[in-house]
Amino acid sequence: MVSMGATGTDDELNAVLAYLSKNFAVAPAKPIDINKAAAVDLESSLLLLRSEATAVIQYRTEHGDFKSLDDLRKVPGLDFQKIEKNKARITF
């Protein structure tokens, strides 16, 4: 706003920022069902590479649904750190 000509003291601009942050906060990320998600959803939601998303889907097709995070450790070619980072969003 300042770059567009808005003026105000630091306190006024901080008050505007606090208001916007409180009332227009980013929505929390939605949970993702690891047993039903399509490859594109695994890529975009969990930031998996295409090859990792494909490996997850192939593994669950061959071995059945995942029941826990430990089951995901068995997926060859999957960077499990990405799963750990997003574990609160993963449902079974």
N, C-alpha and C. Protein backbone atom coordinates (compact mmCIF):
# COMPACT_ATOMS: atom_id res chain seq x y z
N MET A 1 0.83 -1.18 0.00
CA MET A 1 0.00 0.00 0.00
C MET A 1 0.87 1.24 0.00
N VAL A 2 1.97 1.18 0.73
CA VAL A 2 2.86 2.33 0.79
C VAL A 2 3.42 2.63 -0.59
N SER A 3 3.75 1.60 -1.35
CA SER A 3 4.29 1.81 -2.68
C SER A 3 3.26 2.41 -3.63
N MET A 4 1.99 2.35 -3.25
CA MET A 4 0.93 2.93 -4.08
C MET A 4 0.52 4.32 -3.58
N GLY A 5 1.26 4.84 -2.62
CA GLY A 5 1.00 6.21 -2.16
C GLY A 5 0.35 6.33 -0.81
N ALA A 6 0.05 5.25 -0.14
CA ALA A 6 -0.57 5.33 1.18
C ALA A 6 0.42 5.91 2.17
N THR A 7 -0.09 6.72 3.05
CA THR A 7 0.76 7.31 4.08
C THR A 7 0.23 6.90 5.44
N GLY A 8 1.10 6.93 6.40
CA GLY A 8 0.71 6.58 7.76
C GLY A 8 1.94 6.40 8.61
N THR A 9 1.74 6.50 9.87
CA THR A 9 2.85 6.30 10.79
C THR A 9 3.12 4.80 10.90
N ASP A 10 4.24 4.44 11.48
CA ASP A 10 4.54 3.03 11.69
C ASP A 10 3.47 2.36 12.54
N ASP A 11 2.99 3.07 13.56
CA ASP A 11 1.95 2.51 14.42
C ASP A 11 0.65 2.27 13.64
N GLU A 12 0.29 3.20 12.77
CA GLU A 12 -0.93 3.03 11.98
C GLU A 12 -0.79 1.86 11.00
N LEU A 13 0.35 1.78 10.35
CA LEU A 13 0.57 0.69 9.40
C LEU A 13 0.62 -0.66 10.13
N ASN A 14 1.19 -0.70 11.32
CA ASN A 14 1.20 -1.93 12.12
C ASN A 14 -0.21 -2.33 12.54
N ALA A 15 -1.05 -1.34 12.85
CA ALA A 15 -2.44 -1.62 13.22
C ALA A 15 -3.19 -2.22 12.03
N VAL A 16 -2.96 -1.69 10.83
CA VAL A 16 -3.60 -2.22 9.63
C VAL A 16 -3.12 -3.65 9.38
N LEU A 17 -1.83 -3.87 9.51
CA LEU A 17 -1.27 -5.21 9.31
C LEU A 17 -1.84 -6.20 10.32
N ALA A 18 -1.95 -5.81 11.57
CA ALA A 18 -2.50 -6.68 12.60
C ALA A 18 -3.96 -7.03 12.29
N TYR A 19 -4.73 -6.04 11.84
CA TYR A 19 -6.13 -6.26 11.49
C TYR A 19 -6.25 -7.25 10.33
N LEU A 20 -5.46 -7.02 9.28
CA LEU A 20 -5.51 -7.89 8.10
C LEU A 20 -5.08 -9.31 8.45
N SER A 21 -4.05 -9.44 9.25
CA SER A 21 -3.56 -10.76 9.64
C SER A 21 -4.59 -11.52 10.46
N LYS A 22 -5.28 -10.81 11.32
CA LYS A 22 -6.28 -11.45 12.19
C LYS A 22 -7.52 -11.86 11.41
N ASN A 23 -7.99 -11.00 10.55
CA ASN A 23 -9.27 -11.21 9.88
C ASN A 23 -9.18 -11.89 8.52
N PHE A 24 -8.00 -11.94 7.94
CA PHE A 24 -7.84 -12.53 6.62
C PHE A 24 -6.66 -13.50 6.61
N ALA A 25 -6.57 -14.29 7.64
CA ALA A 25 -5.46 -15.24 7.76
C ALA A 25 -5.59 -16.34 6.70
N VAL A 26 -4.48 -16.94 6.39
CA VAL A 26 -4.47 -18.04 5.45
C VAL A 26 -5.20 -19.23 6.06
N ALA A 27 -6.03 -19.86 5.26
CA ALA A 27 -6.77 -21.02 5.74
C ALA A 27 -5.81 -22.17 5.99
N PRO A 28 -6.04 -22.94 7.04
CA PRO A 28 -5.16 -24.08 7.30
C PRO A 28 -5.26 -25.10 6.16
N ALA A 29 -4.17 -25.78 5.91
CA ALA A 29 -4.14 -26.77 4.84
C ALA A 29 -5.06 -27.94 5.19
N LYS A 30 -5.73 -28.46 4.18
CA LYS A 30 -6.67 -29.55 4.39
C LYS A 30 -5.91 -30.87 4.54
N PRO A 31 -6.47 -31.78 5.32
CA PRO A 31 -5.84 -33.11 5.43
C PRO A 31 -5.95 -33.86 4.11
N ILE A 32 -5.05 -34.80 3.91
CA ILE A 32 -5.05 -35.59 2.69
C ILE A 32 -5.09 -37.08 3.05
N ASP A 33 -6.02 -37.79 2.45
CA ASP A 33 -6.15 -39.23 2.69
C ASP A 33 -5.13 -39.94 1.80
N ILE A 34 -4.09 -40.46 2.39
CA ILE A 34 -2.99 -41.06 1.65
C ILE A 34 -3.44 -42.30 0.87
N ASN A 35 -4.57 -42.90 1.26
CA ASN A 35 -5.05 -44.10 0.58
C ASN A 35 -5.98 -43.81 -0.59
N LYS A 36 -6.40 -42.57 -0.74
CA LYS A 36 -7.33 -42.22 -1.81
C LYS A 36 -6.81 -41.12 -2.72
N ALA A 37 -5.78 -40.44 -2.31
CA ALA A 37 -5.30 -39.28 -3.05
C ALA A 37 -4.72 -39.66 -4.40
N ALA A 38 -5.00 -38.83 -5.39
CA ALA A 38 -4.41 -38.99 -6.72
C ALA A 38 -2.98 -38.48 -6.69
N ALA A 39 -2.21 -38.85 -7.68
CA ALA A 39 -0.80 -38.45 -7.75
C ALA A 39 -0.66 -36.93 -7.69
N VAL A 40 -1.48 -36.21 -8.42
CA VAL A 40 -1.37 -34.75 -8.45
C VAL A 40 -1.62 -34.15 -7.07
N ASP A 41 -2.51 -34.76 -6.29
CA ASP A 41 -2.78 -34.28 -4.93
C ASP A 41 -1.60 -34.55 -4.01
N LEU A 42 -0.97 -35.70 -4.17
CA LEU A 42 0.22 -36.01 -3.36
C LEU A 42 1.35 -35.05 -3.69
N GLU A 43 1.48 -34.71 -4.96
CA GLU A 43 2.53 -33.79 -5.38
C GLU A 43 2.28 -32.39 -4.83
N SER A 44 1.07 -31.90 -5.00
CA SER A 44 0.79 -30.52 -4.61
C SER A 44 0.61 -30.35 -3.10
N SER A 45 0.01 -31.32 -2.44
CA SER A 45 -0.25 -31.19 -1.01
C SER A 45 0.94 -31.54 -0.13
N LEU A 46 1.67 -32.59 -0.53
CA LEU A 46 2.78 -33.06 0.30
C LEU A 46 4.14 -32.70 -0.31
N LEU A 47 4.09 -32.02 -1.46
CA LEU A 47 5.31 -31.60 -2.16
C LEU A 47 6.20 -32.77 -2.55
N LEU A 48 5.55 -33.86 -2.95
CA LEU A 48 6.29 -35.02 -3.42
C LEU A 48 6.66 -34.82 -4.88
N LEU A 49 7.75 -35.41 -5.30
CA LEU A 49 8.10 -35.44 -6.71
C LEU A 49 7.13 -36.36 -7.42
N ARG A 50 7.01 -36.20 -8.72
CA ARG A 50 6.11 -37.06 -9.48
C ARG A 50 6.47 -38.53 -9.30
N SER A 51 7.77 -38.82 -9.30
CA SER A 51 8.22 -40.21 -9.12
C SER A 51 7.86 -40.73 -7.74
N GLU A 52 7.90 -39.88 -6.72
CA GLU A 52 7.53 -40.30 -5.36
C GLU A 52 6.03 -40.56 -5.26
N ALA A 53 5.23 -39.69 -5.86
CA ALA A 53 3.78 -39.87 -5.84
C ALA A 53 3.40 -41.15 -6.56
N THR A 54 4.05 -41.41 -7.67
CA THR A 54 3.81 -42.64 -8.42
C THR A 54 4.19 -43.86 -7.59
N ALA A 55 5.30 -43.78 -6.88
CA ALA A 55 5.75 -44.89 -6.03
C ALA A 55 4.75 -45.16 -4.91
N VAL A 56 4.20 -44.12 -4.31
CA VAL A 56 3.20 -44.28 -3.24
C VAL A 56 1.97 -45.00 -3.79
N ILE A 57 1.49 -44.54 -4.93
CA ILE A 57 0.29 -45.14 -5.52
C ILE A 57 0.55 -46.58 -5.93
N GLN A 58 1.69 -46.83 -6.54
CA GLN A 58 2.02 -48.20 -6.95
C GLN A 58 2.12 -49.12 -5.74
N TYR A 59 2.75 -48.64 -4.67
CA TYR A 59 2.91 -49.46 -3.47
C TYR A 59 1.56 -49.78 -2.84
N ARG A 60 0.69 -48.78 -2.73
CA ARG A 60 -0.62 -49.05 -2.10
C ARG A 60 -1.49 -49.93 -2.99
N THR A 61 -1.30 -49.87 -4.31
CA THR A 61 -2.04 -50.74 -5.21
C THR A 61 -1.60 -52.19 -5.05
N GLU A 62 -0.30 -52.39 -4.89
CA GLU A 62 0.25 -53.74 -4.77
C GLU A 62 0.11 -54.34 -3.38
N HIS A 63 0.15 -53.49 -2.34
CA HIS A 63 0.18 -53.99 -0.96
C HIS A 63 -1.05 -53.63 -0.12
N GLY A 64 -1.97 -52.89 -0.67
CA GLY A 64 -3.15 -52.48 0.08
C GLY A 64 -2.96 -51.14 0.76
N ASP A 65 -4.00 -50.70 1.43
CA ASP A 65 -4.00 -49.39 2.07
C ASP A 65 -2.93 -49.27 3.14
N PHE A 66 -2.44 -48.05 3.28
CA PHE A 66 -1.52 -47.74 4.37
C PHE A 66 -2.32 -47.63 5.65
N LYS A 67 -1.76 -48.11 6.73
CA LYS A 67 -2.45 -48.04 8.03
C LYS A 67 -1.75 -47.10 9.00
N SER A 68 -0.47 -46.80 8.73
CA SER A 68 0.29 -45.92 9.62
C SER A 68 1.43 -45.27 8.83
N LEU A 69 2.07 -44.32 9.46
CA LEU A 69 3.22 -43.67 8.83
C LEU A 69 4.35 -44.67 8.59
N ASP A 70 4.47 -45.64 9.48
CA ASP A 70 5.53 -46.65 9.31
C ASP A 70 5.36 -47.42 8.01
N ASP A 71 4.12 -47.61 7.57
CA ASP A 71 3.89 -48.28 6.29
C ASP A 71 4.50 -47.48 5.14
N LEU A 72 4.48 -46.18 5.26
CA LEU A 72 5.03 -45.32 4.19
C LEU A 72 6.55 -45.41 4.12
N ARG A 73 7.18 -45.81 5.20
CA ARG A 73 8.64 -45.99 5.19
C ARG A 73 9.06 -47.09 4.22
N LYS A 74 8.16 -47.99 3.93
CA LYS A 74 8.47 -49.14 3.08
C LYS A 74 8.41 -48.81 1.58
N VAL A 75 7.93 -47.61 1.24
CA VAL A 75 7.78 -47.25 -0.17
C VAL A 75 9.16 -46.92 -0.75
N PRO A 76 9.60 -47.71 -1.73
CA PRO A 76 10.91 -47.45 -2.32
C PRO A 76 10.91 -46.13 -3.10
N GLY A 77 11.97 -45.36 -2.93
CA GLY A 77 12.11 -44.11 -3.67
C GLY A 77 11.39 -42.92 -3.05
N LEU A 78 10.79 -43.10 -1.90
CA LEU A 78 10.07 -42.01 -1.23
C LEU A 78 10.97 -41.35 -0.19
N ASP A 79 11.09 -40.04 -0.27
CA ASP A 79 11.84 -39.27 0.72
C ASP A 79 10.94 -39.14 1.96
N PHE A 80 11.18 -39.98 2.96
CA PHE A 80 10.30 -40.03 4.12
C PHE A 80 10.31 -38.74 4.92
N GLN A 81 11.34 -37.93 4.79
CA GLN A 81 11.38 -36.64 5.49
C GLN A 81 10.21 -35.75 5.06
N LYS A 82 9.80 -35.86 3.82
CA LYS A 82 8.65 -35.08 3.34
C LYS A 82 7.38 -35.54 4.03
N ILE A 83 7.28 -36.83 4.27
CA ILE A 83 6.12 -37.38 4.97
C ILE A 83 6.14 -36.92 6.43
N GLU A 84 7.29 -37.03 7.07
CA GLU A 84 7.44 -36.58 8.46
C GLU A 84 7.04 -35.12 8.61
N LYS A 85 7.46 -34.31 7.67
CA LYS A 85 7.19 -32.87 7.71
C LYS A 85 5.69 -32.58 7.64
N ASN A 86 4.94 -33.43 6.94
CA ASN A 86 3.51 -33.20 6.73
C ASN A 86 2.62 -34.22 7.46
N LYS A 87 3.17 -34.93 8.42
CA LYS A 87 2.43 -36.03 9.05
C LYS A 87 1.13 -35.58 9.71
N ALA A 88 1.05 -34.37 10.17
CA ALA A 88 -0.18 -33.90 10.82
C ALA A 88 -1.33 -33.77 9.82
N ARG A 89 -1.01 -33.69 8.55
CA ARG A 89 -2.04 -33.52 7.52
C ARG A 89 -2.45 -34.83 6.87
N ILE A 90 -1.74 -35.91 7.15
CA ILE A 90 -2.00 -37.19 6.49
C ILE A 90 -3.01 -38.01 7.30
N THR A 91 -4.05 -38.48 6.59
CA THR A 91 -5.04 -39.36 7.22
C THR A 91 -5.03 -40.71 6.50
N PHE A 92 -5.58 -41.71 7.17
CA PHE A 92 -5.59 -43.07 6.62
C PHE A 92 -7.01 -43.57 6.48
